[in-house]
Amino acid sequence: MDRTDLGIFSRLVAEPFLSDETLGREVGLTGKAVRLRRKRMEADGVLTEYGVHPAAEILGRYAVSWRYAGMDRTELPVSQLSEVEDLAFVMSFRPAFHRVVRFTKEPDPPADPRLTRIFGQPIGGPLGERRPMPSIRADALSYVDWKVLEAVVGAPRAPHTFNARQANVSARTFRIHRAKLDMAHALECAMILNLEREAGLATYGIWLRVDESFDEKSVELPRLWDRPHWTQNPRGVYLLGSADNYFEARELELHLRALPGVVSADPLIPAGGFFARERLLTWVRAERERRFRPPRPRLV
């Protein structure tokens, strides 16, 4: 992975659905060259999953997340995670930090003991996901909206022509309904990455919450992608940079966490995870069928 790959990678993390042509203009390449690099990162397992899902509210559920610390897992036990009936996705971060999002039927559910056994002790209680609320109600979605939503969840970065065929509509109709869903914040994305599979430059990202004793010069590090971005309330700094390999990136993150004046440290870039695509598709299909079930014939 070189600096151009890092540029593509970082933009995809922020905006997963940017076209290859748009990415190319931003990094100085043709759309075809970007597509080849992106496909290579996907084949290498760095870009593991474009996890598109409906907003939980559309499915009549609540998106609730838990943070866990303690288990530094190189591989997630997919079969065990699949047993947690309302699990939507997991994002793992370096070192030994995991964010688990469940689509629950209750707004304040208890922690699931199966997840504690997998990830370690939860940090604090459940948190509601901080995302824009969808500006459209589920009962305002048409049958075609649900078909388009299902197609996008099933194949997020597929060409519109492919997804249009999956939804059994024309490409123009697909674009119109996809734009409607995007504008209404009915679709969200959980990028699943595996940075341990990086070859060449390795990425790290961290947000440090600091107190008044923190020395701002301590974050003037080489090979930052951008200048440190400071926040005032609460006081903190966002850092995004690169190292020669995964081990060095991990050591940098540990060094930053240990700086005097650091109150807390939250990772920014996932290093693995799990996305329950088939479960989400099952929920979408069930909700569509429930809303558009054909009426039973009347007995005469």
Protein backbone atom coordinates (compact mmCIF):
# COMPACT_ATOMS: atom_id res chain seq x y z
CA MET A 1 0.00 0.00 0.00
CA ASP A 2 1.45 3.36 -1.05
CA ARG A 3 0.33 6.93 -0.39
CA THR A 4 -2.05 6.89 -3.34
CA ASP A 5 -3.70 3.76 -1.96
CA LEU A 6 -3.94 5.52 1.40
CA GLY A 7 -5.68 8.46 -0.25
CA ILE A 8 -8.23 6.16 -1.89
CA PHE A 9 -8.61 4.15 1.31
CA SER A 10 -9.19 7.18 3.55
CA ARG A 11 -11.79 8.70 1.22
CA LEU A 12 -13.67 5.39 1.01
CA VAL A 13 -13.73 5.15 4.80
CA ALA A 14 -15.32 8.61 4.96
CA GLU A 15 -17.62 8.20 1.91
CA PRO A 16 -17.93 4.53 0.86
CA PHE A 17 -20.00 5.22 -2.27
CA LEU A 18 -17.76 7.68 -4.05
CA SER A 19 -17.44 6.65 -7.69
CA ASP A 20 -14.06 5.56 -9.02
CA GLU A 21 -14.10 8.57 -11.34
CA THR A 22 -14.62 11.00 -8.44
CA LEU A 23 -11.89 9.26 -6.43
CA GLY A 24 -9.61 9.47 -9.45
CA ARG A 25 -10.03 13.25 -9.71
CA GLU A 26 -9.18 13.60 -6.02
CA VAL A 27 -6.00 11.47 -6.12
CA GLY A 28 -4.82 12.35 -9.65
CA LEU A 29 -5.65 9.06 -11.40
CA THR A 30 -8.14 7.84 -13.98
CA GLY A 31 -11.27 6.09 -12.78
CA LYS A 32 -9.97 2.83 -14.27
CA ALA A 33 -6.70 3.10 -12.32
CA VAL A 34 -8.62 3.74 -9.09
CA ARG A 35 -10.86 0.75 -9.78
CA LEU A 36 -7.83 -1.52 -10.21
CA ARG A 37 -6.31 -0.31 -6.93
CA ARG A 38 -9.62 -0.64 -5.09
CA LYS A 39 -10.15 -4.17 -6.43
CA ARG A 40 -6.63 -5.09 -5.31
CA MET A 41 -7.33 -3.85 -1.76
CA GLU A 42 -10.59 -5.80 -1.75
CA ALA A 43 -8.83 -8.95 -3.02
CA ASP A 44 -6.10 -8.54 -0.37
CA GLY A 45 -8.77 -8.37 2.32
CA VAL A 46 -8.00 -4.78 3.42
CA LEU A 47 -11.38 -3.46 2.26
CA THR A 48 -13.39 -6.39 3.59
CA GLU A 49 -16.98 -5.24 3.54
CA TYR A 50 -19.08 -2.30 2.39
CA GLY A 51 -21.72 -3.02 5.00
CA VAL A 52 -24.79 -1.10 3.85
CA HIS A 53 -27.85 -1.49 6.04
CA PRO A 54 -31.23 0.20 6.42
CA ALA A 55 -31.66 2.64 9.26
CA ALA A 56 -32.91 0.59 12.21
CA GLU A 57 -36.03 2.76 12.46
CA ILE A 58 -37.08 1.66 8.98
CA LEU A 59 -37.13 -1.92 10.28
CA GLY A 60 -39.08 -0.95 13.40
CA ARG A 61 -36.01 -1.45 15.60
CA TYR A 62 -33.52 0.54 17.67
CA ALA A 63 -29.81 0.76 16.78
CA VAL A 64 -27.96 0.31 20.08
CA SER A 65 -24.22 -0.12 20.47
CA TRP A 66 -21.97 -1.51 23.18
CA ARG A 67 -18.24 -0.99 23.58
CA TYR A 68 -16.11 -3.88 24.79
CA ALA A 69 -12.47 -4.05 25.86
CA GLY A 70 -10.25 -6.94 26.81
CA MET A 71 -10.21 -9.53 24.03
CA ASP A 72 -7.62 -8.95 21.29
CA ARG A 73 -9.04 -11.32 18.69
CA THR A 74 -7.32 -11.96 15.36
CA GLU A 75 -10.39 -13.77 13.98
CA LEU A 76 -13.98 -13.23 15.07
CA PRO A 77 -16.06 -16.35 15.82
CA VAL A 78 -18.68 -15.87 13.12
CA SER A 79 -20.74 -18.91 14.09
CA GLN A 80 -21.04 -17.66 17.69
CA LEU A 81 -21.86 -14.11 16.59
CA SER A 82 -24.58 -15.44 14.31
CA GLU A 83 -26.34 -16.90 17.37
CA VAL A 84 -26.98 -13.37 18.74
CA GLU A 85 -30.34 -12.87 17.06
CA ASP A 86 -30.35 -9.07 16.85
CA LEU A 87 -26.66 -8.47 16.06
CA ALA A 88 -26.21 -6.18 13.03
CA PHE A 89 -22.44 -5.66 12.87
CA VAL A 90 -19.18 -5.55 14.82
CA MET A 91 -16.22 -3.23 14.33
CA SER A 92 -12.94 -4.21 15.97
CA PHE A 93 -10.19 -1.69 16.66
CA ARG A 94 -6.58 -1.83 17.83
CA PRO A 95 -5.85 -2.79 20.54
CA ALA A 96 -8.53 -5.08 21.98
CA PHE A 97 -11.48 -2.68 21.51
CA HIS A 98 -14.76 -3.67 19.86
CA ARG A 99 -17.97 -1.82 19.01
CA VAL A 100 -21.02 -4.03 18.66
CA VAL A 101 -24.26 -2.73 17.14
CA ARG A 102 -27.51 -4.56 17.70
CA PHE A 103 -30.88 -3.75 16.12
CA THR A 104 -33.07 -4.36 19.14
CA LYS A 105 -36.84 -4.33 19.61
CA GLU A 106 -36.50 -2.43 22.90
CA PRO A 107 -34.78 0.98 23.27
CA ASP A 108 -32.81 0.03 26.41
CA PRO A 109 -31.99 -3.69 26.23
CA PRO A 110 -29.60 -5.51 28.58
CA ALA A 111 -26.13 -6.56 27.49
CA ASP A 112 -25.97 -10.01 25.93
CA PRO A 113 -23.78 -12.39 28.00
CA ARG A 114 -22.73 -14.23 24.84
CA LEU A 115 -21.05 -11.07 23.57
CA THR A 116 -19.29 -10.58 26.92
CA ARG A 117 -17.80 -14.06 26.58
CA ILE A 118 -16.57 -13.22 23.09
CA PHE A 119 -15.29 -9.65 23.54
CA GLY A 120 -14.69 -9.09 27.25
CA GLN A 121 -16.38 -6.70 29.64
CA PRO A 122 -18.59 -3.93 28.23
CA ILE A 123 -17.48 -0.35 28.88
CA GLY A 124 -20.43 1.50 30.33
CA GLY A 125 -23.97 0.84 29.19
CA PRO A 126 -25.69 0.73 25.80
CA LEU A 127 -25.46 3.79 23.57
CA GLY A 128 -27.92 4.93 20.93
CA GLU A 129 -26.25 5.32 17.55
CA ARG A 130 -25.52 8.97 16.71
CA ARG A 131 -26.80 9.09 13.16
CA PRO A 132 -29.26 11.29 11.31
CA MET A 133 -32.77 10.06 11.87
CA PRO A 134 -34.42 8.95 8.61
CA SER A 135 -36.67 11.69 7.31
CA ILE A 136 -39.06 9.13 5.85
CA ARG A 137 -41.27 6.66 7.71
CA ALA A 138 -41.29 2.99 6.83
CA ASP A 139 -44.98 3.18 5.89
CA ALA A 140 -44.10 5.90 3.36
CA LEU A 141 -41.78 3.55 1.44
CA SER A 142 -43.26 2.03 -1.69
CA TYR A 143 -42.86 -1.57 -2.80
CA VAL A 144 -40.19 -0.41 -5.29
CA ASP A 145 -38.37 1.47 -2.51
CA TRP A 146 -38.11 -1.77 -0.52
CA LYS A 147 -36.88 -3.69 -3.58
CA VAL A 148 -34.22 -1.06 -4.28
CA LEU A 149 -33.22 -1.03 -0.62
CA GLU A 150 -32.82 -4.82 -0.67
CA ALA A 151 -30.71 -4.70 -3.85
CA VAL A 152 -28.33 -2.09 -2.39
CA VAL A 153 -27.91 -3.97 0.91
CA GLY A 154 -27.15 -7.13 -1.09
CA ALA A 155 -24.55 -5.58 -3.40
CA PRO A 156 -23.56 -2.06 -2.22
CA ARG A 157 -20.98 -1.10 -4.85
CA ALA A 158 -22.47 -3.00 -7.77
CA PRO A 159 -23.27 -0.97 -10.90
CA HIS A 160 -26.73 0.56 -11.01
CA THR A 161 -27.60 -1.63 -13.99
CA PHE A 162 -26.89 -4.78 -11.94
CA ASN A 163 -28.88 -3.60 -8.92
CA ALA A 164 -31.71 -2.45 -11.16
CA ARG A 165 -32.00 -5.99 -12.54
CA GLN A 166 -31.99 -7.36 -8.98
CA ALA A 167 -34.84 -4.99 -8.08
CA ASN A 168 -36.64 -5.78 -11.37
CA VAL A 169 -36.82 -2.12 -12.40
CA SER A 170 -35.20 0.04 -15.06
CA ALA A 171 -31.84 1.68 -14.36
CA ARG A 172 -33.52 5.11 -14.37
CA THR A 173 -36.15 3.99 -11.85
CA PHE A 174 -33.43 2.48 -9.68
CA ARG A 175 -31.45 5.76 -9.64
CA ILE A 176 -34.54 7.78 -8.70
CA HIS A 177 -35.47 5.51 -5.79
CA ARG A 178 -31.88 5.12 -4.64
CA ALA A 179 -31.53 8.93 -4.52
CA LYS A 180 -34.79 9.12 -2.54
CA LEU A 181 -33.43 6.64 0.05
CA ASP A 182 -30.11 8.48 0.30
CA MET A 183 -31.77 11.87 0.77
CA ALA A 184 -33.99 10.43 3.51
CA HIS A 185 -31.01 8.85 5.37
CA ALA A 186 -32.74 5.48 5.02
CA LEU A 187 -29.43 3.78 4.14
CA GLU A 188 -26.29 3.73 6.27
CA CYS A 189 -22.87 2.15 5.91
CA ALA A 190 -20.57 0.27 8.29
CA MET A 191 -17.19 -0.16 6.61
CA ILE A 192 -15.48 -3.37 7.74
CA LEU A 193 -11.70 -3.23 7.31
CA ASN A 194 -8.84 -5.56 8.14
CA LEU A 195 -5.70 -3.48 8.51
CA GLU A 196 -3.61 -6.47 9.56
CA ARG A 197 -3.61 -7.48 5.90
CA GLU A 198 -1.99 -4.27 4.73
CA ALA A 199 1.23 -4.60 2.80
CA GLY A 200 3.48 -1.54 2.81
CA LEU A 201 2.20 1.50 4.69
CA ALA A 202 -0.16 0.78 7.59
CA THR A 203 -2.78 3.25 8.79
CA TYR A 204 -3.75 4.37 12.25
CA GLY A 205 -6.32 6.83 13.54
CA ILE A 206 -7.11 7.95 17.05
CA TRP A 207 -9.00 10.66 18.96
CA LEU A 208 -7.36 11.75 22.22
CA ARG A 209 -9.40 13.47 24.87
CA VAL A 210 -6.93 15.56 26.90
CA ASP A 211 -6.76 17.84 29.93
CA GLU A 212 -4.92 21.13 30.46
CA SER A 213 -1.60 19.41 31.24
CA PHE A 214 -1.36 17.90 27.74
CA ASP A 215 1.55 19.13 25.60
CA GLU A 216 0.25 19.94 22.12
CA LYS A 217 3.73 19.54 20.62
CA SER A 218 3.67 15.83 21.51
CA VAL A 219 1.34 15.14 18.57
CA GLU A 220 3.57 16.79 15.95
CA LEU A 221 4.39 13.38 14.49
CA PRO A 222 5.93 12.52 11.12
CA ARG A 223 3.77 10.97 8.41
CA LEU A 224 0.46 12.37 9.52
CA TRP A 225 -1.98 12.46 6.60
CA ASP A 226 -3.23 15.83 7.75
CA ARG A 227 -2.51 18.35 10.49
CA PRO A 228 -3.90 17.48 13.96
CA HIS A 229 -7.53 18.56 14.28
CA TRP A 230 -8.36 19.99 17.70
CA THR A 231 -11.74 20.14 19.44
CA GLN A 232 -12.59 22.48 22.31
CA ASN A 233 -15.57 20.92 24.09
CA PRO A 234 -14.46 18.39 25.07
CA ARG A 235 -10.79 19.24 24.53
CA GLY A 236 -9.18 16.71 22.27
CA VAL A 237 -7.34 16.04 19.03
CA TYR A 238 -7.94 13.80 16.01
CA LEU A 239 -4.84 12.17 14.50
CA LEU A 240 -4.68 10.17 11.26
CA GLY A 241 -1.35 8.87 10.01
CA SER A 242 0.68 5.97 8.67
CA ALA A 243 3.55 3.71 9.67
CA ASP A 244 5.74 1.19 7.85
CA ASN A 245 3.76 -1.82 9.10
CA TYR A 246 0.96 -2.95 11.40
CA PHE A 247 3.30 -3.42 14.39
CA GLU A 248 4.59 0.16 14.17
CA ALA A 249 1.05 1.54 13.79
CA ARG A 250 -0.03 -0.34 16.90
CA GLU A 251 3.01 0.91 18.84
CA LEU A 252 2.22 4.50 17.81
CA GLU A 253 -1.34 4.18 19.05
CA LEU A 254 -0.14 2.74 22.38
CA HIS A 255 2.41 5.56 22.69
CA LEU A 256 -0.28 8.20 22.08
CA ARG A 257 -2.60 6.63 24.66
CA ALA A 258 0.16 6.79 27.27
CA LEU A 259 1.04 10.49 26.80
CA PRO A 260 0.71 12.65 29.93
CA GLY A 261 -2.57 14.52 30.00
CA VAL A 262 -4.53 11.97 27.93
CA VAL A 263 -7.91 11.34 29.60
CA SER A 264 -9.21 8.80 27.10
CA ALA A 265 -8.39 7.50 23.64
CA ASP A 266 -10.82 6.23 21.00
CA PRO A 267 -9.65 4.48 17.82
CA LEU A 268 -10.97 5.81 14.51
CA ILE A 269 -10.17 3.13 11.91
CA PRO A 270 -11.50 -0.41 12.33
CA ALA A 271 -9.08 -3.34 12.10
CA GLY A 272 -11.61 -6.08 11.41
CA GLY A 273 -15.22 -6.90 12.02
CA PHE A 274 -18.37 -8.77 11.11
CA PHE A 275 -21.44 -7.70 9.13
CA ALA A 276 -24.68 -9.70 9.31
CA ARG A 277 -25.70 -9.10 5.69
CA GLU A 278 -27.97 -12.12 5.28
CA ARG A 279 -29.78 -11.35 8.54
CA LEU A 280 -30.35 -7.75 7.46
CA LEU A 281 -31.64 -8.90 4.08
CA THR A 282 -34.00 -11.30 5.86
CA TRP A 283 -35.34 -8.42 7.97
CA VAL A 284 -35.82 -6.24 4.87
CA ARG A 285 -37.69 -8.98 3.00
CA ALA A 286 -39.87 -9.79 5.99
CA GLU A 287 -40.79 -6.14 6.49
CA ARG A 288 -41.60 -5.69 2.79
CA GLU A 289 -43.74 -8.81 2.69
CA ARG A 290 -45.55 -7.80 5.86
CA ARG A 291 -46.43 -4.41 4.42
CA PHE A 292 -47.30 -5.55 0.89
CA ARG A 293 -48.77 -8.99 1.49
CA PRO A 294 -51.49 -9.55 -1.11
CA PRO A 295 -54.98 -9.68 0.41
CA ARG A 296 -56.51 -13.10 0.94
CA PRO A 297 -59.30 -13.99 -1.48
CA ARG A 298 -62.74 -13.54 0.00
CA LEU A 299 -64.83 -16.65 0.42
CA VAL A 300 -68.17 -16.49 -1.35
